[in-house]
Structures are given as C-alpha cells and as structure tokens.
Amino acid sequence: MSQQTIAIRLPELELGEAGRKVEDLKSQLLDDVPGTRVDIRKDDPTNQDFGATLVVVLGTPAVVAIAHGIATWMKKRGQTIELEIDGGRTIFRATGPIDDTAGKIVEALSRRRA
C-alpha cells in the first residue's frame, strides 16, 4: 500500500500555542482514523517547545478520513493550517471554518500523488 507523510502546521500561532493546538488535532485525528500514525515534531531542535508540527503517516484509503478529521477540527477552531506532503513544499493552506475544506484537502493530496 502506498503511504504519504503529511506535515500540518499552524502558521499564525506562537510556538507554545501551536504546540497545544497540534496536540488537540492529534487527538481528533486518532479518534477519527484509528491506527494512523500521528506524531508531533519540532521544526527547530534548538527550541524548548515540545513541537508544533503534526506529522501524519497514512495509506491511500485513509486520505479521505484524515481530510475530514482536519476539516472538522478547523471548523471547530477556525485555525489556519498548512499541509506539506512527503517533505515537499506547502501544497495547501486554508483558514477554517470552510464548508468544503475536506474536499479541497483530498484534492490537494490527490494532485500530489499523481
């Protein structure tokens, strides 16, 4: 099965607040898509924070479920997110709540795989 790595960042928040929010998003995604690997990573190892980037490793069938989980979280919190796929450039940026965010995330992930 093909796998993708998605890095999720909250660019408009200070590091400490972003770290708390990605913990919350991690919990949401683990509830929505059990068995998906979700880790928190530091972008700068010299900072003392616990990490503010959420890294999700998923197989192709989980893309839609992860997209819906992210969109649900955004609708509740109104956060701006950036997605980076497989260590590449940012391919998606959105500010919630947006009604069609899940569809746009799936579309962005699908374009990247093609």
PDB file of N, CA and C in Angstrom:
ATOM      1  N   MET A   1       0.848  -1.191   0.000  1.00  0.00           N
ATOM      2  CA  MET A   1       0.000   0.000   0.000  1.00  0.00           C
ATOM      3  C   MET A   1       0.882   1.238   0.000  1.00  0.00           C
ATOM      4  N   SER A   2       0.542   2.215  -0.793  1.00  0.00           N
ATOM      5  CA  SER A   2       1.250   3.476  -0.884  1.00  0.00           C
ATOM      6  C   SER A   2       1.011   4.295   0.383  1.00  0.00           C
ATOM      7  N   GLN A   3       2.066   4.962   0.846  1.00  0.00           N
ATOM      8  CA  GLN A   3       1.931   5.814   2.035  1.00  0.00           C
ATOM      9  C   GLN A   3       2.344   7.234   1.712  1.00  0.00           C
ATOM     10  N   GLN A   4       1.746   8.173   2.438  1.00  0.00           N
ATOM     11  CA  GLN A   4       2.109   9.573   2.342  1.00  0.00           C
ATOM     12  C   GLN A   4       2.405  10.078   3.742  1.00  0.00           C
ATOM     13  N   THR A   5       3.278  11.063   3.805  1.00  0.00           N
ATOM     14  CA  THR A   5       3.548  11.749   5.058  1.00  0.00           C
ATOM     15  C   THR A   5       3.045  13.173   4.906  1.00  0.00           C
ATOM     16  N   ILE A   6       2.190  13.587   5.824  1.00  0.00           N
ATOM     17  CA  ILE A   6       1.620  14.930   5.791  1.00  0.00           C
ATOM     18  C   ILE A   6       2.109  15.673   7.020  1.00  0.00           C
ATOM     19  N   ALA A   7       2.737  16.828   6.807  1.00  0.00           N
ATOM     20  CA  ALA A   7       3.113  17.712   7.911  1.00  0.00           C
ATOM     21  C   ALA A   7       2.055  18.804   7.986  1.00  0.00           C
ATOM     22  N   ILE A   8       1.508  19.003   9.173  1.00  0.00           N
ATOM     23  CA  ILE A   8       0.457  20.003   9.376  1.00  0.00           C
ATOM     24  C   ILE A   8       0.997  21.072  10.316  1.00  0.00           C
ATOM     25  N   ARG A   9       0.968  22.304   9.864  1.00  0.00           N
ATOM     26  CA  ARG A   9       1.456  23.432  10.668  1.00  0.00           C
ATOM     27  C   ARG A   9       0.343  24.449  10.880  1.00  0.00           C
ATOM     28  N   LEU A  10       0.459  25.191  11.970  1.00  0.00           N
ATOM     29  CA  LEU A  10      -0.481  26.266  12.289  1.00  0.00           C
ATOM     30  C   LEU A  10       0.331  27.567  12.272  1.00  0.00           C
ATOM     31  N   PRO A  11       0.523  28.153  11.107  1.00  0.00           N
ATOM     32  CA  PRO A  11       1.498  29.226  10.925  1.00  0.00           C
ATOM     33  C   PRO A  11       1.181  30.546  11.621  1.00  0.00           C
ATOM     34  N   GLU A  12      -0.050  30.772  11.995  1.00  0.00           N
ATOM     35  CA  GLU A  12      -0.407  32.067  12.571  1.00  0.00           C
ATOM     36  C   GLU A  12      -0.338  32.091  14.096  1.00  0.00           C
ATOM     37  N   LEU A  13       0.093  30.991  14.710  1.00  0.00           N
ATOM     38  CA  LEU A  13       0.142  30.908  16.167  1.00  0.00           C
ATOM     39  C   LEU A  13       1.576  30.937  16.665  1.00  0.00           C
ATOM     40  N   GLU A  14       1.744  31.482  17.874  1.00  0.00           N
ATOM     41  CA  GLU A  14       3.044  31.413  18.520  1.00  0.00           C
ATOM     42  C   GLU A  14       3.352  29.951  18.821  1.00  0.00           C
ATOM     43  N   LEU A  15       4.622  29.641  18.973  1.00  0.00           N
ATOM     44  CA  LEU A  15       5.076  28.262  19.108  1.00  0.00           C
ATOM     45  C   LEU A  15       4.374  27.489  20.221  1.00  0.00           C
ATOM     46  N   GLY A  16       4.259  28.063  21.408  1.00  0.00           N
ATOM     47  CA  GLY A  16       3.624  27.367  22.527  1.00  0.00           C
ATOM     48  C   GLY A  16       2.163  27.064  22.267  1.00  0.00           C
ATOM     49  N   GLU A  17       1.447  28.035  21.732  1.00  0.00           N
ATOM     50  CA  GLU A  17       0.033  27.850  21.417  1.00  0.00           C
ATOM     51  C   GLU A  17      -0.134  26.837  20.287  1.00  0.00           C
ATOM     52  N   ALA A  18       0.722  26.918  19.278  1.00  0.00           N
ATOM     53  CA  ALA A  18       0.660  25.951  18.175  1.00  0.00           C
ATOM     54  C   ALA A  18       0.892  24.540  18.698  1.00  0.00           C
ATOM     55  N   GLY A  19       1.814  24.378  19.641  1.00  0.00           N
ATOM     56  CA  GLY A  19       2.067  23.063  20.223  1.00  0.00           C
ATOM     57  C   GLY A  19       0.841  22.497  20.914  1.00  0.00           C
ATOM     58  N   ARG A  20       0.119  23.343  21.656  1.00  0.00           N
ATOM     59  CA  ARG A  20      -1.104  22.886  22.330  1.00  0.00           C
ATOM     60  C   ARG A  20      -2.186  22.523  21.313  1.00  0.00           C
ATOM     61  N   LYS A  21      -2.293  23.311  20.266  1.00  0.00           N
ATOM     62  CA  LYS A  21      -3.323  23.055  19.249  1.00  0.00           C
ATOM     63  C   LYS A  21      -3.026  21.779  18.460  1.00  0.00           C
ATOM     64  N   VAL A  22      -1.743  21.514  18.138  1.00  0.00           N
ATOM     65  CA  VAL A  22      -1.462  20.283  17.391  1.00  0.00           C
ATOM     66  C   VAL A  22      -1.694  19.047  18.262  1.00  0.00           C
ATOM     67  N   GLU A  23      -1.518  19.175  19.581  1.00  0.00           N
ATOM     68  CA  GLU A  23      -1.870  18.068  20.486  1.00  0.00           C
ATOM     69  C   GLU A  23      -3.370  17.777  20.374  1.00  0.00           C
ATOM     70  N   ASP A  24      -4.158  18.836  20.351  1.00  0.00           N
ATOM     71  CA  ASP A  24      -5.609  18.709  20.219  1.00  0.00           C
ATOM     72  C   ASP A  24      -5.980  18.075  18.876  1.00  0.00           C
ATOM     73  N   LEU A  25      -5.348  18.538  17.795  1.00  0.00           N
ATOM     74  CA  LEU A  25      -5.609  17.983  16.470  1.00  0.00           C
ATOM     75  C   LEU A  25      -5.180  16.516  16.414  1.00  0.00           C
ATOM     76  N   LYS A  26      -4.075  16.192  17.032  1.00  0.00           N
ATOM     77  CA  LYS A  26      -3.611  14.805  17.075  1.00  0.00           C
ATOM     78  C   LYS A  26      -4.680  13.904  17.699  1.00  0.00           C
ATOM     79  N   SER A  27      -5.239  14.334  18.819  1.00  0.00           N
ATOM     80  CA  SER A  27      -6.291  13.558  19.478  1.00  0.00           C
ATOM     81  C   SER A  27      -7.490  13.373  18.561  1.00  0.00           C
ATOM     82  N   GLN A  28      -7.896  14.442  17.879  1.00  0.00           N
ATOM     83  CA  GLN A  28      -9.030  14.384  16.951  1.00  0.00           C
ATOM     84  C   GLN A  28      -8.766  13.358  15.848  1.00  0.00           C
ATOM     85  N   LEU A  29      -7.576  13.408  15.250  1.00  0.00           N
ATOM     86  CA  LEU A  29      -7.279  12.504  14.140  1.00  0.00           C
ATOM     87  C   LEU A  29      -7.179  11.058  14.595  1.00  0.00           C
ATOM     88  N   LEU A  30      -6.622  10.824  15.773  1.00  0.00           N
ATOM     89  CA  LEU A  30      -6.542   9.456  16.282  1.00  0.00           C
ATOM     90  C   LEU A  30      -7.926   8.898  16.586  1.00  0.00           C
ATOM     91  N   ASP A  31      -8.844   9.758  17.025  1.00  0.00           N
ATOM     92  CA  ASP A  31     -10.229   9.325  17.239  1.00  0.00           C
ATOM     93  C   ASP A  31     -10.925   9.026  15.910  1.00  0.00           C
ATOM     94  N   ASP A  32     -10.691   9.885  14.911  1.00  0.00           N
ATOM     95  CA  ASP A  32     -11.368   9.753  13.618  1.00  0.00           C
ATOM     96  C   ASP A  32     -10.822   8.610  12.771  1.00  0.00           C
ATOM     97  N   VAL A  33      -9.519   8.377  12.851  1.00  0.00           N
ATOM     98  CA  VAL A  33      -8.867   7.390  11.990  1.00  0.00           C
ATOM     99  C   VAL A  33      -7.941   6.515  12.841  1.00  0.00           C
ATOM    100  N   PRO A  34      -8.499   5.601  13.618  1.00  0.00           N
ATOM    101  CA  PRO A  34      -7.678   4.740  14.469  1.00  0.00           C
ATOM    102  C   PRO A  34      -6.649   3.966  13.637  1.00  0.00           C
ATOM    103  N   GLY A  35      -5.479   3.797  14.208  1.00  0.00           N
ATOM    104  CA  GLY A  35      -4.437   3.045  13.523  1.00  0.00           C
ATOM    105  C   GLY A  35      -3.539   3.887  12.649  1.00  0.00           C
ATOM    106  N   THR A  36      -3.858   5.157  12.460  1.00  0.00           N
ATOM    107  CA  THR A  36      -2.999   6.053  11.694  1.00  0.00           C
ATOM    108  C   THR A  36      -1.851   6.495  12.584  1.00  0.00           C
ATOM    109  N   ARG A  37      -0.659   6.581  12.032  1.00  0.00           N
ATOM    110  CA  ARG A  37       0.487   7.054  12.809  1.00  0.00           C
ATOM    111  C   ARG A  37       0.502   8.579  12.801  1.00  0.00           C
ATOM    112  N   VAL A  38       0.443   9.166  13.991  1.00  0.00           N
ATOM    113  CA  VAL A  38       0.418  10.615  14.135  1.00  0.00           C
ATOM    114  C   VAL A  38       1.459  10.993  15.187  1.00  0.00           C
ATOM    115  N   ASP A  39       2.423  11.819  14.802  1.00  0.00           N
ATOM    116  CA  ASP A  39       3.491  12.237  15.706  1.00  0.00           C
ATOM    117  C   ASP A  39       3.594  13.756  15.706  1.00  0.00           C
ATOM    118  N   ILE A  40       4.160  14.279  16.774  1.00  0.00           N
ATOM    119  CA  ILE A  40       4.438  15.714  16.847  1.00  0.00           C
ATOM    120  C   ILE A  40       5.941  15.899  16.710  1.00  0.00           C
ATOM    121  N   ARG A  41       6.326  16.857  15.873  1.00  0.00           N
ATOM    122  CA  ARG A  41       7.731  17.069  15.562  1.00  0.00           C
ATOM    123  C   ARG A  41       8.115  18.529  15.800  1.00  0.00           C
ATOM    124  N   LYS A  42       9.347  18.715  16.230  1.00  0.00           N
ATOM    125  CA  LYS A  42       9.912  20.051  16.322  1.00  0.00           C
ATOM    126  C   LYS A  42      10.479  20.434  14.960  1.00  0.00           C
ATOM    127  N   ASP A  43      10.223  21.658  14.535  1.00  0.00           N
ATOM    128  CA  ASP A  43      10.851  22.143  13.308  1.00  0.00           C
ATOM    129  C   ASP A  43      12.243  22.678  13.593  1.00  0.00           C
ATOM    130  N   ASP A  44      12.455  23.170  14.812  1.00  0.00           N
ATOM    131  CA  ASP A  44      13.748  23.717  15.212  1.00  0.00           C
ATOM    132  C   ASP A  44      14.192  23.016  16.493  1.00  0.00           C
ATOM    133  N   PRO A  45      15.182  22.126  16.413  1.00  0.00           N
ATOM    134  CA  PRO A  45      15.597  21.368  17.594  1.00  0.00           C
ATOM    135  C   PRO A  45      16.211  22.220  18.705  1.00  0.00           C
ATOM    136  N   THR A  46      16.541  23.479  18.415  1.00  0.00           N
ATOM    137  CA  THR A  46      17.122  24.335  19.454  1.00  0.00           C
ATOM    138  C   THR A  46      16.063  24.975  20.346  1.00  0.00           C
ATOM    139  N   ASN A  47      14.784  24.917  19.929  1.00  0.00           N
ATOM    140  CA  ASN A  47      13.706  25.458  20.757  1.00  0.00           C
ATOM    141  C   ASN A  47      13.369  24.486  21.877  1.00  0.00           C
ATOM    142  N   GLN A  48      12.841  25.023  22.971  1.00  0.00           N
ATOM    143  CA  GLN A  48      12.493  24.188  24.114  1.00  0.00           C
ATOM    144  C   GLN A  48      11.043  23.710  24.078  1.00  0.00           C
ATOM    145  N   ASP A  49      10.330  24.014  23.029  1.00  0.00           N
ATOM    146  CA  ASP A  49       8.936  23.581  22.932  1.00  0.00           C
ATOM    147  C   ASP A  49       8.883  22.071  22.710  1.00  0.00           C
ATOM    148  N   PHE A  50       7.701  21.521  22.831  1.00  0.00           N
ATOM    149  CA  PHE A  50       7.506  20.092  22.617  1.00  0.00           C
ATOM    150  C   PHE A  50       7.262  19.753  21.149  1.00  0.00           C
ATOM    151  N   GLY A  51       7.141  20.741  20.324  1.00  0.00           N
ATOM    152  CA  GLY A  51       6.889  20.540  18.900  1.00  0.00           C
ATOM    153  C   GLY A  51       5.592  21.183  18.492  1.00  0.00           C
ATOM    154  N   ALA A  52       5.563  21.728  17.266  1.00  0.00           N
ATOM    155  CA  ALA A  52       4.371  22.421  16.800  1.00  0.00           C
ATOM    156  C   ALA A  52       3.964  21.989  15.395  1.00  0.00           C
ATOM    157  N   THR A  53       4.548  20.894  14.917  1.00  0.00           N
ATOM    158  CA  THR A  53       4.169  20.346  13.622  1.00  0.00           C
ATOM    159  C   THR A  53       3.648  18.944  13.834  1.00  0.00           C
ATOM    160  N   LEU A  54       2.489  18.681  13.301  1.00  0.00           N
ATOM    161  CA  LEU A  54       1.892  17.355  13.399  1.00  0.00           C
ATOM    162  C   LEU A  54       2.259  16.590  12.131  1.00  0.00           C
ATOM    163  N   VAL A  55       2.783  15.376  12.284  1.00  0.00           N
ATOM    164  CA  VAL A  55       3.177  14.561  11.151  1.00  0.00           C
ATOM    165  C   VAL A  55       2.288  13.328  11.130  1.00  0.00           C
ATOM    166  N   VAL A  56       1.584  13.133  10.016  1.00  0.00           N
ATOM    167  CA  VAL A  56       0.652  12.022   9.854  1.00  0.00           C
ATOM    168  C   VAL A  56       1.176  11.133   8.735  1.00  0.00           C
ATOM    169  N   VAL A  57       1.323   9.844   9.026  1.00  0.00           N
ATOM    170  CA  VAL A  57       1.713   8.875   8.009  1.00  0.00           C
ATOM    171  C   VAL A  57       0.481   8.027   7.732  1.00  0.00           C
ATOM    172  N   LEU A  58       0.039   8.019   6.479  1.00  0.00           N
ATOM    173  CA  LEU A  58      -1.198   7.314   6.170  1.00  0.00           C
ATOM    174  C   LEU A  58      -1.124   6.628   4.830  1.00  0.00           C
ATOM    175  N   GLY A  59      -1.910   5.594   4.703  1.00  0.00           N
ATOM    176  CA  GLY A  59      -2.062   4.908   3.428  1.00  0.00           C
ATOM    177  C   GLY A  59      -3.155   5.579   2.619  1.00  0.00           C
ATOM    178  N   THR A  60      -3.205   5.264   1.357  1.00  0.00           N
ATOM    179  CA  THR A  60      -4.160   5.880   0.441  1.00  0.00           C
ATOM    180  C   THR A  60      -5.606   5.821   0.925  1.00  0.00           C
ATOM    181  N   PRO A  61      -6.100   4.701   1.471  1.00  0.00           N
ATOM    182  CA  PRO A  61      -7.506   4.663   1.889  1.00  0.00           C
ATOM    183  C   PRO A  61      -7.841   5.644   3.017  1.00  0.00           C
ATOM    184  N   ALA A  62      -6.856   6.059   3.777  1.00  0.00           N
ATOM    185  CA  ALA A  62      -7.117   6.941   4.916  1.00  0.00           C
ATOM    186  C   ALA A  62      -7.146   8.418   4.543  1.00  0.00           C
ATOM    187  N   VAL A  63      -6.817   8.775   3.309  1.00  0.00           N
ATOM    188  CA  VAL A  63      -6.738  10.177   2.911  1.00  0.00           C
ATOM    189  C   VAL A  63      -8.051  10.907   3.157  1.00  0.00           C
ATOM    190  N   VAL A  64      -9.164  10.324   2.749  1.00  0.00           N
ATOM    191  CA  VAL A  64     -10.468  10.986   2.905  1.00  0.00           C
ATOM    192  C   VAL A  64     -10.806  11.144   4.383  1.00  0.00           C
ATOM    193  N   ALA A  65     -10.565  10.115   5.192  1.00  0.00           N
ATOM    194  CA  ALA A  65     -10.868  10.192   6.621  1.00  0.00           C
ATOM    195  C   ALA A  65     -10.010  11.249   7.306  1.00  0.00           C
ATOM    196  N   ILE A  66      -8.732  11.320   6.971  1.00  0.00           N
ATOM    197  CA  ILE A  66      -7.848  12.335   7.558  1.00  0.00           C
ATOM    198  C   ILE A  66      -8.303  13.725   7.130  1.00  0.00           C
ATOM    199  N   ALA A  67      -8.642  13.888   5.859  1.00  0.00           N
ATOM    200  CA  ALA A  67      -9.104  15.195   5.362  1.00  0.00           C
ATOM    201  C   ALA A  67     -10.350  15.646   6.115  1.00  0.00           C
ATOM    202  N   HIS A  68     -11.278  14.732   6.342  1.00  0.00           N
ATOM    203  CA  HIS A  68     -12.491  15.086   7.085  1.00  0.00           C
ATOM    204  C   HIS A  68     -12.160  15.403   8.542  1.00  0.00           C
ATOM    205  N   GLY A  69     -11.229  14.678   9.140  1.00  0.00           N
ATOM    206  CA  GLY A  69     -10.822  14.964  10.517  1.00  0.00           C
ATOM    207  C   GLY A  69     -10.203  16.341  10.653  1.00  0.00           C
ATOM    208  N   ILE A  70      -9.329  16.701   9.712  1.00  0.00           N
ATOM    209  CA  ILE A  70      -8.705  18.028   9.727  1.00  0.00           C
ATOM    210  C   ILE A  70      -9.769  19.098   9.541  1.00  0.00           C
ATOM    211  N   ALA A  71     -10.663  18.901   8.578  1.00  0.00           N
ATOM    212  CA  ALA A  71     -11.713  19.892   8.307  1.00  0.00           C
ATOM    213  C   ALA A  71     -12.632  20.069   9.510  1.00  0.00           C
ATOM    214  N   THR A  72     -13.001  18.981  10.167  1.00  0.00           N
ATOM    215  CA  THR A  72     -13.855  19.064  11.361  1.00  0.00           C
ATOM    216  C   THR A  72     -13.165  19.872  12.451  1.00  0.00           C
ATOM    217  N   TRP A  73     -11.890  19.606  12.657  1.00  0.00           N
ATOM    218  CA  TRP A  73     -11.114  20.330  13.671  1.00  0.00           C
ATOM    219  C   TRP A  73     -11.057  21.814  13.330  1.00  0.00           C
ATOM    220  N   MET A  74     -10.792  22.130  12.044  1.00  0.00           N
ATOM    221  CA  MET A  74     -10.715  23.531  11.626  1.00  0.00           C
ATOM    222  C   MET A  74     -12.037  24.250  11.845  1.00  0.00           C
ATOM    223  N   LYS A  75     -13.152  23.589  11.544  1.00  0.00           N
ATOM    224  CA  LYS A  75     -14.461  24.220  11.706  1.00  0.00           C
ATOM    225  C   LYS A  75     -14.730  24.565  13.165  1.00  0.00           C
ATOM    226  N   LYS A  76     -14.260  23.713  14.067  1.00  0.00           N
ATOM    227  CA  LYS A  76     -14.463  23.969  15.494  1.00  0.00           C
ATOM    228  C   LYS A  76     -13.581  25.099  15.998  1.00  0.00           C
ATOM    229  N   ARG A  77     -12.402  25.258  15.423  1.00  0.00           N
ATOM    230  CA  ARG A  77     -11.420  26.170  15.983  1.00  0.00           C
ATOM    231  C   ARG A  77     -11.065  27.362  15.109  1.00  0.00           C
ATOM    232  N   GLY A  78     -11.441  27.336  13.844  1.00  0.00           N
ATOM    233  CA  GLY A  78     -11.186  28.471  12.968  1.00  0.00           C
ATOM    234  C   GLY A  78      -9.716  28.761  12.730  1.00  0.00           C
ATOM    235  N   GLN A  79      -8.867  27.748  12.774  1.00  0.00           N
ATOM    236  CA  GLN A  79      -7.428  27.929  12.613  1.00  0.00           C
ATOM    237  C   GLN A  79      -7.003  27.910  11.159  1.00  0.00           C
ATOM    238  N   THR A  80      -5.888  28.564  10.871  1.00  0.00           N
ATOM    239  CA  THR A  80      -5.230  28.448   9.577  1.00  0.00           C
ATOM    240  C   THR A  80      -4.279  27.269   9.659  1.00  0.00           C
ATOM    241  N   ILE A  81      -4.297  26.421   8.635  1.00  0.00           N
ATOM    242  CA  ILE A  81      -3.364  25.304   8.578  1.00  0.00           C
ATOM    243  C   ILE A  81      -2.587  25.349   7.275  1.00  0.00           C
ATOM    244  N   GLU A  82      -1.415  24.738   7.295  1.00  0.00           N
ATOM    245  CA  GLU A  82      -0.635  24.492   6.090  1.00  0.00           C
ATOM    246  C   GLU A  82      -0.314  23.005   6.067  1.00  0.00           C
ATOM    247  N   LEU A  83      -0.444  22.392   4.905  1.00  0.00           N
ATOM    248  CA  LEU A  83      -0.102  20.992   4.728  1.00  0.00           C
ATOM    249  C   LEU A  83       1.096  20.893   3.808  1.00  0.00           C
ATOM    250  N   GLU A  84       2.024  20.042   4.187  1.00  0.00           N
ATOM    251  CA  GLU A  84       3.189  19.744   3.352  1.00  0.00           C
ATOM    252  C   GLU A  84       3.188  18.234   3.169  1.00  0.00           C
ATOM    253  N   ILE A  85       3.331  17.777   1.951  1.00  0.00           N
ATOM    254  CA  ILE A  85       3.236  16.355   1.657  1.00  0.00           C
ATOM    255  C   ILE A  85       4.612  15.793   1.322  1.00  0.00           C
ATOM    256  N   ASP A  86       4.952  14.674   1.957  1.00  0.00           N
ATOM    257  CA  ASP A  86       6.182  13.932   1.685  1.00  0.00           C
ATOM    258  C   ASP A  86       7.429  14.816   1.691  1.00  0.00           C
ATOM    259  N   GLY A  87       7.496  15.745   2.638  1.00  0.00           N
ATOM    260  CA  GLY A  87       8.680  16.582   2.788  1.00  0.00           C
ATOM    261  C   GLY A  87       8.851  17.646   1.725  1.00  0.00           C
ATOM    262  N   GLY A  88       7.855  17.846   0.895  1.00  0.00           N
ATOM    263  CA  GLY A  88       7.934  18.833  -0.182  1.00  0.00           C
ATOM    264  C   GLY A  88       7.461  20.195   0.278  1.00  0.00           C
ATOM    265  N   ARG A  89       7.112  21.005  -0.676  1.00  0.00           N
ATOM    266  CA  ARG A  89       6.653  22.363  -0.367  1.00  0.00           C
ATOM    267  C   ARG A  89       5.216  22.323   0.167  1.00  0.00           C
ATOM    268  N   THR A  90       4.792  23.442   0.739  1.00  0.00           N
ATOM    269  CA  THR A  90       3.413  23.548   1.207  1.00  0.00           C
ATOM    270  C   THR A  90       2.491  23.482   0.000  1.00  0.00           C
ATOM    271  N   ILE A  91       1.522  22.552   0.052  1.00  0.00           N
ATOM    272  CA  ILE A  91       0.626  22.403  -1.096  1.00  0.00           C
ATOM    273  C   ILE A  91      -0.792  22.873  -0.797  1.00  0.00           C
ATOM    274  N   PHE A  92      -1.068  23.170   0.456  1.00  0.00           N
ATOM    275  CA  PHE A  92      -2.431  23.556   0.810  1.00  0.00           C
ATOM    276  C   PHE A  92      -2.375  24.488   2.000  1.00  0.00           C
ATOM    277  N   ARG A  93      -3.118  25.565   1.923  1.00  0.00           N
ATOM    278  CA  ARG A  93      -3.236  26.496   3.047  1.00  0.00           C
ATOM    279  C   ARG A  93      -4.688  26.929   3.111  1.00  0.00           C
ATOM    280  N   ALA A  94      -5.279  26.844   4.299  1.00  0.00           N
ATOM    281  CA  ALA A  94      -6.686  27.221   4.441  1.00  0.00           C
ATOM    282  C   ALA A  94      -6.925  27.755   5.839  1.00  0.00           C
ATOM    283  N   THR A  95      -7.916  28.592   5.945  1.00  0.00           N
ATOM    284  CA  THR A  95      -8.360  29.102   7.238  1.00  0.00           C
ATOM    285  C   THR A  95      -9.782  28.612   7.444  1.00  0.00           C
ATOM    286  N   GLY A  96     -10.038  27.979   8.591  1.00  0.00           N
ATOM    287  CA  GLY A  96     -11.377  27.451   8.884  1.00  0.00           C
ATOM    288  C   GLY A  96     -12.215  28.525   9.536  1.00  0.00           C
ATOM    289  N   PRO A  97     -13.507  28.365   9.641  1.00  0.00           N
ATOM    290  CA  PRO A  97     -14.248  27.238   9.083  1.00  0.00           C
ATOM    291  C   PRO A  97     -14.607  27.476   7.615  1.00  0.00           C
ATOM    292  N   ILE A  98     -14.378  26.454   6.824  1.00  0.00           N
ATOM    293  CA  ILE A  98     -14.702  26.496   5.401  1.00  0.00           C
ATOM    294  C   ILE A  98     -15.515  25.239   5.106  1.00  0.00           C
ATOM    295  N   ASP A  99     -16.650  25.374   4.468  1.00  0.00           N
ATOM    296  CA  ASP A  99     -17.531  24.227   4.247  1.00  0.00           C
ATOM    297  C   ASP A  99     -16.920  23.116   3.405  1.00  0.00           C
ATOM    298  N   ASP A 100     -16.110  23.473   2.418  1.00  0.00           N
ATOM    299  CA  ASP A 100     -15.577  22.440   1.527  1.00  0.00           C
ATOM    300  C   ASP A 100     -14.104  22.147   1.772  1.00  0.00           C
ATOM    301  N   THR A 101     -13.611  22.410   2.990  1.00  0.00           N
ATOM    302  CA  THR A 101     -12.201  22.183   3.297  1.00  0.00           C
ATOM    303  C   THR A 101     -11.792  20.743   3.075  1.00  0.00           C
ATOM    304  N   ALA A 102     -12.572  19.785   3.521  1.00  0.00           N
ATOM    305  CA  ALA A 102     -12.207  18.372   3.363  1.00  0.00           C
ATOM    306  C   ALA A 102     -12.019  18.032   1.890  1.00  0.00           C
ATOM    307  N   GLY A 103     -12.935  18.481   1.051  1.00  0.00           N
ATOM    308  CA  GLY A 103     -12.810  18.218  -0.379  1.00  0.00           C
ATOM    309  C   GLY A 103     -11.555  18.842  -0.965  1.00  0.00           C
ATOM    310  N   LYS A 104     -11.232  20.042  -0.541  1.00  0.00           N
ATOM    311  CA  LYS A 104     -10.031  20.712  -1.042  1.00  0.00           C
ATOM    312  C   LYS A 104      -8.765  19.992  -0.575  1.00  0.00           C
ATOM    313  N   ILE A 105      -8.773  19.482   0.653  1.00  0.00           N
ATOM    314  CA  ILE A 105      -7.617  18.738   1.162  1.00  0.00           C
ATOM    315  C   ILE A 105      -7.443  17.450   0.358  1.00  0.00           C
ATOM    316  N   VAL A 106      -8.518  16.719   0.147  1.00  0.00           N
ATOM    317  CA  VAL A 106      -8.441  15.479  -0.641  1.00  0.00           C
ATOM    318  C   VAL A 106      -7.924  15.788  -2.043  1.00  0.00           C
ATOM    319  N   GLU A 107      -8.421  16.856  -2.641  1.00  0.00           N
ATOM    320  CA  GLU A 107      -7.983  17.242  -3.981  1.00  0.00           C
ATOM    321  C   GLU A 107      -6.491  17.550  -3.998  1.00  0.00           C
ATOM    322  N   ALA A 108      -6.006  18.303  -3.001  1.00  0.00           N
ATOM    323  CA  ALA A 108      -4.586  18.648  -2.925  1.00  0.00           C
ATOM    324  C   ALA A 108      -3.742  17.393  -2.755  1.00  0.00           C
ATOM    325  N   LEU A 109      -4.171  16.473  -1.900  1.00  0.00           N
ATOM    326  CA  LEU A 109      -3.420  15.241  -1.684  1.00  0.00           C
ATOM    327  C   LEU A 109      -3.429  14.373  -2.941  1.00  0.00           C
ATOM    328  N   SER A 110      -4.522  14.350  -3.640  1.00  0.00           N
ATOM    329  CA  SER A 110      -4.629  13.552  -4.864  1.00  0.00           C
ATOM    330  C   SER A 110      -3.740  14.113  -5.967  1.00  0.00           C
ATOM    331  N   ARG A 111      -3.688  15.428  -6.087  1.00  0.00           N
ATOM    332  CA  ARG A 111      -2.815  16.059  -7.084  1.00  0.00           C
ATOM    333  C   ARG A 111      -1.364  15.706  -6.803  1.00  0.00           C
ATOM    334  N   ARG A 112      -1.002  15.692  -5.531  1.00  0.00           N
ATOM    335  CA  ARG A 112       0.387  15.411  -5.149  1.00  0.00           C
ATOM    336  C   ARG A 112       0.779  13.986  -5.512  1.00  0.00           C
ATOM    337  N   ARG A 113      -0.149  13.036  -5.373  1.00  0.00           N
ATOM    338  CA  ARG A 113       0.142  11.634  -5.683  1.00  0.00           C
ATOM    339  C   ARG A 113       0.263  11.389  -7.178  1.00  0.00           C
ATOM    340  N   ALA A 114      -0.413  12.207  -7.955  1.00  0.00           N
ATOM    341  CA  ALA A 114      -0.463  11.967  -9.401  1.00  0.00           C
ATOM    342  C   ALA A 114       0.881  12.191 -10.073  1.00  0.00           C
TER     343      ALA A 114
END
